[in-house]
C-alpha atoms as a PDB file:
ATOM      1  CA  MET A   1    -191.950  85.931 114.249  1.00  0.00           C
ATOM      2  CA  ASN A   2    -189.715  85.038 111.328  1.00  0.00           C
ATOM      3  CA  ARG A   3    -192.734  85.260 109.043  1.00  0.00           C
ATOM      4  CA  LYS A   4    -193.252  88.888 110.043  1.00  0.00           C
ATOM      5  CA  PHE A   5    -189.544  89.600 109.594  1.00  0.00           C
ATOM      6  CA  LYS A   6    -189.724  88.044 106.134  1.00  0.00           C
ATOM      7  CA  GLU A   7    -192.680  90.226 105.147  1.00  0.00           C
ATOM      8  CA  ARG A   8    -191.020  93.380 106.453  1.00  0.00           C
ATOM      9  CA  PHE A   9    -187.711  92.567 104.764  1.00  0.00           C
ATOM     10  CA  GLU A  10    -189.356  91.971 101.397  1.00  0.00           C
ATOM     11  CA  GLU A  11    -191.423  95.145 101.812  1.00  0.00           C
ATOM     12  CA  GLY A  12    -188.195  97.065 102.386  1.00  0.00           C
ATOM     13  CA  MET A  13    -186.659  95.495  99.302  1.00  0.00           C
ATOM     14  CA  ARG A  14    -189.680  96.524  97.245  1.00  0.00           C
ATOM     15  CA  ARG A  15    -189.295 100.110  98.436  1.00  0.00           C
ATOM     16  CA  ILE A  16    -185.652 100.090  97.407  1.00  0.00           C
ATOM     17  CA  GLN A  17    -186.594  98.585  94.040  1.00  0.00           C
ATOM     18  CA  SER A  18    -189.332 101.149  93.388  1.00  0.00           C
ATOM     19  CA  SER A  19    -186.908 103.956  94.236  1.00  0.00           C
ATOM     20  CA  LEU A  20    -184.898 103.035  91.128  1.00  0.00           C
ATOM     21  CA  THR A  21    -187.766 104.083  88.854  1.00  0.00           C
ATOM     22  CA  LYS A  22    -188.799 107.271  90.674  1.00  0.00           C
ATOM     23  CA  LYS A  23    -187.688 110.700  89.542  1.00  0.00           C
ATOM     24  CA  HIS A  24    -185.818 111.643  92.707  1.00  0.00           C
ATOM     25  CA  GLY A  25    -185.236 108.125  93.986  1.00  0.00           C
ATOM     26  CA  VAL A  26    -181.915 106.676  95.068  1.00  0.00           C
ATOM     27  CA  LYS A  27    -180.232 105.239  91.977  1.00  0.00           C
ATOM     28  CA  LYS A  28    -176.518 105.417  92.768  1.00  0.00           C
ATOM     29  CA  TYR A  29    -175.065 101.916  92.872  1.00  0.00           C
ATOM     30  CA  ASP A  30    -173.145 102.423  96.115  1.00  0.00           C
ATOM     31  CA  LYS A  31    -176.090 104.120  97.823  1.00  0.00           C
ATOM     32  CA  VAL A  32    -178.477 101.326  96.861  1.00  0.00           C
ATOM     33  CA  VAL A  33    -176.084  98.677  98.154  1.00  0.00           C
ATOM     34  CA  GLU A  34    -175.759 100.681 101.356  1.00  0.00           C
ATOM     35  CA  ARG A  35    -179.552 100.795 101.774  1.00  0.00           C
ATOM     36  CA  VAL A  36    -179.759  97.032 101.276  1.00  0.00           C
ATOM     37  CA  GLY A  37    -177.006  96.556 103.853  1.00  0.00           C
ATOM     38  CA  ARG A  38    -178.898  98.607 106.434  1.00  0.00           C
ATOM     39  CA  LEU A  39    -182.041  96.627 105.715  1.00  0.00           C
ATOM     40  CA  LYS A  40    -180.196  93.335 106.131  1.00  0.00           C
ATOM     41  CA  SER A  41    -178.790  94.488 109.459  1.00  0.00           C
ATOM     42  CA  GLN A  42    -182.347  95.163 110.682  1.00  0.00           C
ATOM     43  CA  TYR A  43    -183.501  91.617 109.907  1.00  0.00           C
ATOM     44  CA  PRO A  44    -180.399  89.420 110.214  1.00  0.00           C
ATOM     45  CA  SER A  45    -182.366  86.283 111.083  1.00  0.00           C
ATOM     46  CA  VAL A  46    -184.079  86.143 107.656  1.00  0.00           C
ATOM     47  CA  SER A  47    -181.910  88.282 105.361  1.00  0.00           C
ATOM     48  CA  ARG A  48    -179.107  85.709 105.371  1.00  0.00           C
ATOM     49  CA  TYR A  49    -181.332  83.329 103.422  1.00  0.00           C
ATOM     50  CA  TYR A  50    -181.843  85.763 100.537  1.00  0.00           C
ATOM     51  CA  VAL A  51    -179.748  85.919  97.400  1.00  0.00           C
ATOM     52  CA  ILE A  52    -179.687  89.499  96.102  1.00  0.00           C
ATOM     53  CA  GLU A  53    -178.544  90.378  92.587  1.00  0.00           C
ATOM     54  CA  TYR A  54    -177.677  93.883  91.399  1.00  0.00           C
ATOM     55  CA  GLU A  55    -177.714  95.184  87.830  1.00  0.00           C
ATOM     56  CA  ARG A  56    -175.692  98.215  86.741  1.00  0.00           C
ATOM     57  CA  ASP A  57    -177.072 100.717  84.294  1.00  0.00           C
ATOM     58  CA  ASP A  58    -175.530 100.281  80.835  1.00  0.00           C
ATOM     59  CA  LYS A  59    -175.665 104.013  80.103  1.00  0.00           C
ATOM     60  CA  ASN A  60    -174.351 105.148  83.465  1.00  0.00           C
ATOM     61  CA  LYS A  61    -172.200 102.643  85.324  1.00  0.00           C
ATOM     62  CA  ASP A  62    -172.483 104.625  88.554  1.00  0.00           C
ATOM     63  CA  ASN A  63    -176.217 103.972  88.689  1.00  0.00           C
ATOM     64  CA  MET A  64    -178.162 100.785  89.290  1.00  0.00           C
ATOM     65  CA  SER A  65    -180.799  99.742  86.767  1.00  0.00           C
ATOM     66  CA  GLY A  66    -182.393  96.879  88.660  1.00  0.00           C
ATOM     67  CA  ILE A  67    -182.331  94.705  91.736  1.00  0.00           C
ATOM     68  CA  SER A  68    -183.770  91.246  92.304  1.00  0.00           C
ATOM     69  CA  TRP A  69    -183.847  88.787  95.172  1.00  0.00           C
ATOM     70  CA  ARG A  70    -184.841  85.216  95.823  1.00  0.00           C
ATOM     71  CA  LEU A  71    -185.191  83.066  98.886  1.00  0.00           C
ATOM     72  CA  ALA A  72    -182.701  80.216  99.157  1.00  0.00           C
ATOM     73  CA  VAL A  73    -183.401  78.275 102.332  1.00  0.00           C
ATOM     74  CA  PRO A  74    -180.956  75.409 103.045  1.00  0.00           C
ATOM     75  CA  ASP A  75    -182.262  71.949 103.874  1.00  0.00           C
ATOM     76  CA  SER A  76    -180.576  71.987 107.290  1.00  0.00           C
ATOM     77  CA  ILE A  77    -182.315  75.180 108.454  1.00  0.00           C
ATOM     78  CA  ASP A  78    -184.380  73.406 111.113  1.00  0.00           C
ATOM     79  CA  SER A  79    -181.256  72.051 112.813  1.00  0.00           C
ATOM     80  CA  GLY A  80    -180.336  75.475 114.206  1.00  0.00           C
ATOM     81  CA  ILE A  81    -183.794  76.524 115.338  1.00  0.00           C
ATOM     82  CA  GLY A  82    -184.439  76.374 119.072  1.00  0.00           C
ATOM     83  CA  THR A  83    -187.593  75.627 120.995  1.00  0.00           C
ATOM     84  CA  TYR A  84    -189.523  78.133 123.076  1.00  0.00           C
ATOM     85  CA  TYR A  85    -190.708  76.825 126.445  1.00  0.00           C
ATOM     86  CA  LEU A  86    -193.233  78.280 128.892  1.00  0.00           C
ATOM     87  CA  ARG A  87    -192.586  77.427 132.515  1.00  0.00           C
ATOM     88  CA  SER A  88    -195.032  77.849 135.395  1.00  0.00           C
ATOM     89  CA  ASN A  89    -194.818  77.100 139.122  1.00  0.00           C
ATOM     90  CA  VAL A  90    -198.565  76.367 139.254  1.00  0.00           C
ATOM     91  CA  HIS A  91    -199.212  72.634 139.132  1.00  0.00           C
ATOM     92  CA  GLY A  92    -202.136  70.981 137.417  1.00  0.00           C
ATOM     93  CA  LEU A  93    -202.488  73.442 134.506  1.00  0.00           C
ATOM     94  CA  ASP A  94    -202.914  72.122 130.995  1.00  0.00           C
ATOM     95  CA  GLU A  95    -201.102  73.589 128.005  1.00  0.00           C
ATOM     96  CA  GLN A  96    -204.026  75.724 126.870  1.00  0.00           C
ATOM     97  CA  THR A  97    -204.401  77.357 130.305  1.00  0.00           C
ATOM     98  CA  VAL A  98    -200.655  78.079 130.564  1.00  0.00           C
ATOM     99  CA  TRP A  99    -200.751  79.691 127.136  1.00  0.00           C
ATOM    100  CA  ALA A 100    -203.785  81.779 128.145  1.00  0.00           C
ATOM    101  CA  TYR A 101    -201.933  83.051 131.236  1.00  0.00           C
ATOM    102  CA  TYR A 102    -198.941  83.887 129.074  1.00  0.00           C
ATOM    103  CA  ILE A 103    -201.123  85.953 126.729  1.00  0.00           C
ATOM    104  CA  ILE A 104    -202.561  87.809 129.741  1.00  0.00           C
ATOM    105  CA  ILE A 105    -199.031  88.664 130.905  1.00  0.00           C
ATOM    106  CA  ARG A 106    -198.205  89.977 127.444  1.00  0.00           C
ATOM    107  CA  GLU A 107    -201.320  92.147 127.524  1.00  0.00           C
ATOM    108  CA  ILE A 108    -200.260  93.569 130.902  1.00  0.00           C
ATOM    109  CA  GLU A 109    -196.830  94.395 129.500  1.00  0.00           C
ATOM    110  CA  CYS A 110    -198.509  96.031 126.524  1.00  0.00           C
ATOM    111  CA  THR A 111    -200.658  98.021 128.956  1.00  0.00           C
ATOM    112  CA  PHE A 112    -197.654  99.511 130.738  1.00  0.00           C
ATOM    113  CA  ARG A 113    -196.030 100.261 127.390  1.00  0.00           C
ATOM    114  CA  GLN A 114    -199.139 102.141 126.277  1.00  0.00           C
ATOM    115  CA  LEU A 115    -199.373 104.076 129.547  1.00  0.00           C
ATOM    116  CA  LYS A 116    -195.714 105.106 129.548  1.00  0.00           C
ATOM    117  CA  THR A 117    -195.100 105.568 125.823  1.00  0.00           C
ATOM    118  CA  ASP A 118    -198.270 105.884 123.741  1.00  0.00           C
ATOM    119  CA  LEU A 119    -200.219 107.929 126.326  1.00  0.00           C
ATOM    120  CA  ASN A 120    -197.148 109.793 127.678  1.00  0.00           C
ATOM    121  CA  LEU A 121    -198.060 108.988 131.277  1.00  0.00           C
ATOM    122  CA  ARG A 122    -194.460 109.310 132.364  1.00  0.00           C
ATOM    123  CA  PRO A 123    -192.398 111.191 133.372  1.00  0.00           C
ATOM    124  CA  ILE A 124    -194.536 113.139 135.845  1.00  0.00           C
ATOM    125  CA  TYR A 125    -193.308 116.641 136.656  1.00  0.00           C
ATOM    126  CA  HIS A 126    -196.052 117.673 139.105  1.00  0.00           C
ATOM    127  CA  GLN A 127    -195.028 119.121 142.462  1.00  0.00           C
ATOM    128  CA  THR A 128    -198.138 118.308 144.516  1.00  0.00           C
ATOM    129  CA  ASP A 129    -199.835 115.013 145.322  1.00  0.00           C
ATOM    130  CA  SER A 130    -203.218 116.199 144.057  1.00  0.00           C
ATOM    131  CA  ASN A 131    -201.830 117.076 140.630  1.00  0.00           C
ATOM    132  CA  THR A 132    -199.995 113.755 140.443  1.00  0.00           C
ATOM    133  CA  GLU A 133    -203.143 111.839 141.367  1.00  0.00           C
ATOM    134  CA  ALA A 134    -205.129 113.737 138.741  1.00  0.00           C
ATOM    135  CA  HIS A 135    -202.454 112.931 136.163  1.00  0.00           C
ATOM    136  CA  LEU A 136    -202.559 109.235 137.025  1.00  0.00           C
ATOM    137  CA  PHE A 137    -206.362 109.203 137.016  1.00  0.00           C
ATOM    138  CA  LEU A 138    -206.541 110.766 133.551  1.00  0.00           C
ATOM    139  CA  GLY A 139    -203.849 108.357 132.366  1.00  0.00           C
ATOM    140  CA  LEU A 140    -205.790 105.321 133.581  1.00  0.00           C
ATOM    141  CA  LEU A 141    -209.010 106.729 132.135  1.00  0.00           C
ATOM    142  CA  SER A 142    -207.234 107.155 128.801  1.00  0.00           C
ATOM    143  CA  TYR A 143    -205.993 103.579 128.996  1.00  0.00           C
ATOM    144  CA  TRP A 144    -209.517 102.249 129.593  1.00  0.00           C
ATOM    145  CA  ILE A 145    -210.647 104.042 126.449  1.00  0.00           C
ATOM    146  CA  VAL A 146    -207.667 102.759 124.469  1.00  0.00           C
ATOM    147  CA  ASN A 147    -208.072  99.205 125.763  1.00  0.00           C
ATOM    148  CA  THR A 148    -211.810  99.215 124.958  1.00  0.00           C
ATOM    149  CA  ILE A 149    -211.128 100.331 121.392  1.00  0.00           C
ATOM    150  CA  ARG A 150    -208.389  97.722 120.897  1.00  0.00           C
ATOM    151  CA  HIS A 151    -210.583  95.002 122.449  1.00  0.00           C
ATOM    152  CA  LYS A 152    -213.389  95.750 119.975  1.00  0.00           C
ATOM    153  CA  LEU A 153    -210.968  95.829 117.062  1.00  0.00           C
ATOM    154  CA  LYS A 154    -209.424  92.495 118.101  1.00  0.00           C
ATOM    155  CA  ALA A 155    -212.870  90.924 117.855  1.00  0.00           C
ATOM    156  CA  HIS A 156    -212.689  91.718 114.117  1.00  0.00           C
ATOM    157  CA  GLY A 157    -209.136  90.417 113.739  1.00  0.00           C
ATOM    158  CA  ASP A 158    -207.491  93.867 113.919  1.00  0.00           C
ATOM    159  CA  ASN A 159    -204.488  93.600 116.283  1.00  0.00           C
ATOM    160  CA  ARG A 160    -202.833  96.946 115.586  1.00  0.00           C
ATOM    161  CA  TYR A 161    -201.226  98.901 118.402  1.00  0.00           C
ATOM    162  CA  TRP A 162    -202.588 102.249 119.546  1.00  0.00           C
ATOM    163  CA  THR A 163    -199.826 104.223 117.812  1.00  0.00           C
ATOM    164  CA  GLU A 164    -200.914 102.851 114.432  1.00  0.00           C
ATOM    165  CA  ILE A 165    -204.611 103.384 115.217  1.00  0.00           C
ATOM    166  CA  HIS A 166    -203.867 106.959 116.263  1.00  0.00           C
ATOM    167  CA  ARG A 167    -201.894 107.559 113.052  1.00  0.00           C
ATOM    168  CA  VAL A 168    -204.795 106.365 110.902  1.00  0.00           C
ATOM    169  CA  MET A 169    -207.456 108.290 112.791  1.00  0.00           C
ATOM    170  CA  SER A 170    -205.408 111.515 112.948  1.00  0.00           C
ATOM    171  CA  THR A 171    -206.082 112.030 109.237  1.00  0.00           C
ATOM    172  CA  GLN A 172    -209.616 113.179 110.097  1.00  0.00           C
ATOM    173  CA  LYS A 173    -209.784 116.788 111.245  1.00  0.00           C
ATOM    174  CA  ALA A 174    -212.319 119.240 112.671  1.00  0.00           C
ATOM    175  CA  VAL A 175    -212.275 122.565 110.815  1.00  0.00           C
ATOM    176  CA  THR A 176    -213.618 125.813 112.287  1.00  0.00           C
ATOM    177  CA  SER A 177    -214.469 128.790 110.022  1.00  0.00           C
ATOM    178  CA  THR A 178    -215.264 132.269 111.343  1.00  0.00           C
ATOM    179  CA  ALA A 179    -217.200 135.000 109.506  1.00  0.00           C
ATOM    180  CA  VAL A 180    -219.312 138.107 110.183  1.00  0.00           C
ATOM    181  CA  ASN A 181    -222.902 138.232 108.932  1.00  0.00           C
ATOM    182  CA  ALA A 182    -224.889 141.256 107.712  1.00  0.00           C
ATOM    183  CA  LEU A 183    -225.930 142.129 111.290  1.00  0.00           C
ATOM    184  CA  GLY A 184    -222.321 142.362 112.411  1.00  0.00           C
ATOM    185  CA  GLU A 185    -222.530 139.141 114.412  1.00  0.00           C
ATOM    186  CA  GLU A 186    -219.629 136.764 114.508  1.00  0.00           C
ATOM    187  CA  VAL A 187    -220.645 133.338 113.243  1.00  0.00           C
ATOM    188  CA  LYS A 188    -218.497 130.253 113.709  1.00  0.00           C
ATOM    189  CA  MET A 189    -219.053 127.108 111.679  1.00  0.00           C
ATOM    190  CA  ARG A 190    -217.413 123.840 112.689  1.00  0.00           C
ATOM    191  CA  ILE A 191    -217.436 120.819 110.391  1.00  0.00           C
ATOM    192  CA  CYS A 192    -215.744 117.444 110.428  1.00  0.00           C
ATOM    193  CA  THR A 193    -213.830 116.174 107.408  1.00  0.00           C
ATOM    194  CA  ARG A 194    -214.595 112.863 105.771  1.00  0.00           C
ATOM    195  CA  PRO A 195    -212.536 109.950 107.050  1.00  0.00           C
ATOM    196  CA  THR A 196    -210.177 107.983 104.856  1.00  0.00           C
ATOM    197  CA  LEU A 197    -211.045 104.433 103.864  1.00  0.00           C
ATOM    198  CA  ALA A 198    -208.809 103.043 106.619  1.00  0.00           C
ATOM    199  CA  ALA A 199    -210.366 105.321 109.242  1.00  0.00           C
ATOM    200  CA  ALA A 200    -213.895 104.532 108.014  1.00  0.00           C
ATOM    201  CA  GLU A 201    -213.135 100.825 108.391  1.00  0.00           C
ATOM    202  CA  ILE A 202    -212.140 101.374 112.028  1.00  0.00           C
ATOM    203  CA  TYR A 203    -215.371 103.317 112.631  1.00  0.00           C
ATOM    204  CA  LYS A 204    -217.334 100.449 111.089  1.00  0.00           C
ATOM    205  CA  ARG A 205    -215.673  97.829 113.273  1.00  0.00           C
ATOM    206  CA  LEU A 206    -216.298  99.906 116.400  1.00  0.00           C
ATOM    207  CA  GLY A 207    -219.923 100.562 115.472  1.00  0.00           C
ATOM    208  CA  TYR A 208    -219.490 104.365 115.408  1.00  0.00           C
ATOM    209  CA  ARG A 209    -220.579 106.923 112.861  1.00  0.00           C
ATOM    210  CA  PRO A 210    -217.851 107.915 110.375  1.00  0.00           C
ATOM    211  CA  THR A 211    -218.370 111.589 111.277  1.00  0.00           C
ATOM    212  CA  PRO A 212    -218.833 112.442 114.994  1.00  0.00           C
ATOM    213  CA  PHE A 213    -220.834 115.542 114.004  1.00  0.00           C
ATOM    214  CA  ARG A 214    -222.031 117.010 110.714  1.00  0.00           C
ATOM    215  CA  LYS A 215    -222.064 120.791 111.109  1.00  0.00           C
ATOM    216  CA  ILE A 216    -222.204 123.108 114.099  1.00  0.00           C
ATOM    217  CA  GLU A 217    -223.045 126.808 113.757  1.00  0.00           C
ATOM    218  CA  ILE A 218    -222.476 129.213 116.647  1.00  0.00           C
ATOM    219  CA  CYS A 219    -223.518 132.879 116.695  1.00  0.00           C
ATOM    220  CA  THR A 220    -221.767 134.917 119.367  1.00  0.00           C
ATOM    221  CA  SER A 221    -224.786 137.145 120.025  1.00  0.00           C
ATOM    222  CA  GLN A 222    -227.075 134.133 120.439  1.00  0.00           C
ATOM    223  CA  MET A 223    -224.572 132.430 122.707  1.00  0.00           C
ATOM    224  CA  HIS A 224    -224.315 135.611 124.824  1.00  0.00           C
ATOM    225  CA  LYS A 225    -228.116 135.805 124.966  1.00  0.00           C
ATOM    226  CA  ARG A 226    -228.336 132.245 126.290  1.00  0.00           C
ATOM    227  CA  GLN A 227    -225.726 132.986 128.928  1.00  0.00           C
ATOM    228  CA  ASN A 228    -227.478 136.235 130.091  1.00  0.00           C
ATOM    229  CA  PRO A 229    -231.222 135.758 129.540  1.00  0.00           C
ATOM    230  CA  LYS A 230    -232.211 138.320 132.238  1.00  0.00           C
ATOM    231  CA  ASN A 231    -230.440 141.203 130.504  1.00  0.00           C
ATOM    232  CA  TYR A 232    -232.245 140.523 127.241  1.00  0.00           C
ATOM    233  CA  ALA A 233    -235.577 140.115 129.037  1.00  0.00           C
ATOM    234  CA  SER A 234    -235.270 143.550 130.687  1.00  0.00           C
ATOM    235  CA  ASP A 235    -234.310 145.181 127.397  1.00  0.00           C
ATOM    236  CA  SER A 236    -237.418 143.849 125.737  1.00  0.00           C
END
């Protein structure tokens, strides 16, 4: 857990550092120190072990020219670290089995979080039982799809949550263009954009094609003819 906090804290520091060289980035000395303070408050367990040095701009003392940081871990750091215990009322289980049950419980908690938050299953505003049951059914069906996708991705070492997967995949769009041909018929063309590298990697891990469909053309007169074949047969 602390390793993830360390990576996120250093990533935040790099963003603050890169902002000093951007055209519209935050360069004011007080503002930069304030940003660092907010970042340290987000990760207090690891930020206290960092030594941060600020450099003022020689030309403009109100601005900051550079920022650097280094990790200074004391030798007695392990003395304050606690131990995490897993307790079970089932006798005769070895450590590996207890840990496996614990992971299952975490997955169940993640399931409810996905149903309530990621899939917006709650709150339910329906007034009738049938509408509520349909809402729950579609929510559970959505979860099965989400859980299947995450299960396949985990097999490839990808443990991202659904919100992050949805953010990556939402970059691919389906575009519909409408035009009128020389016969006065309305023609609709629907194409799918190319996925980004991150989205294409997810498609590859799932074993799906990078584009669900290539190109679909629909002519309104032809569609109407398919829907009413008897009318066109009598006219002919």
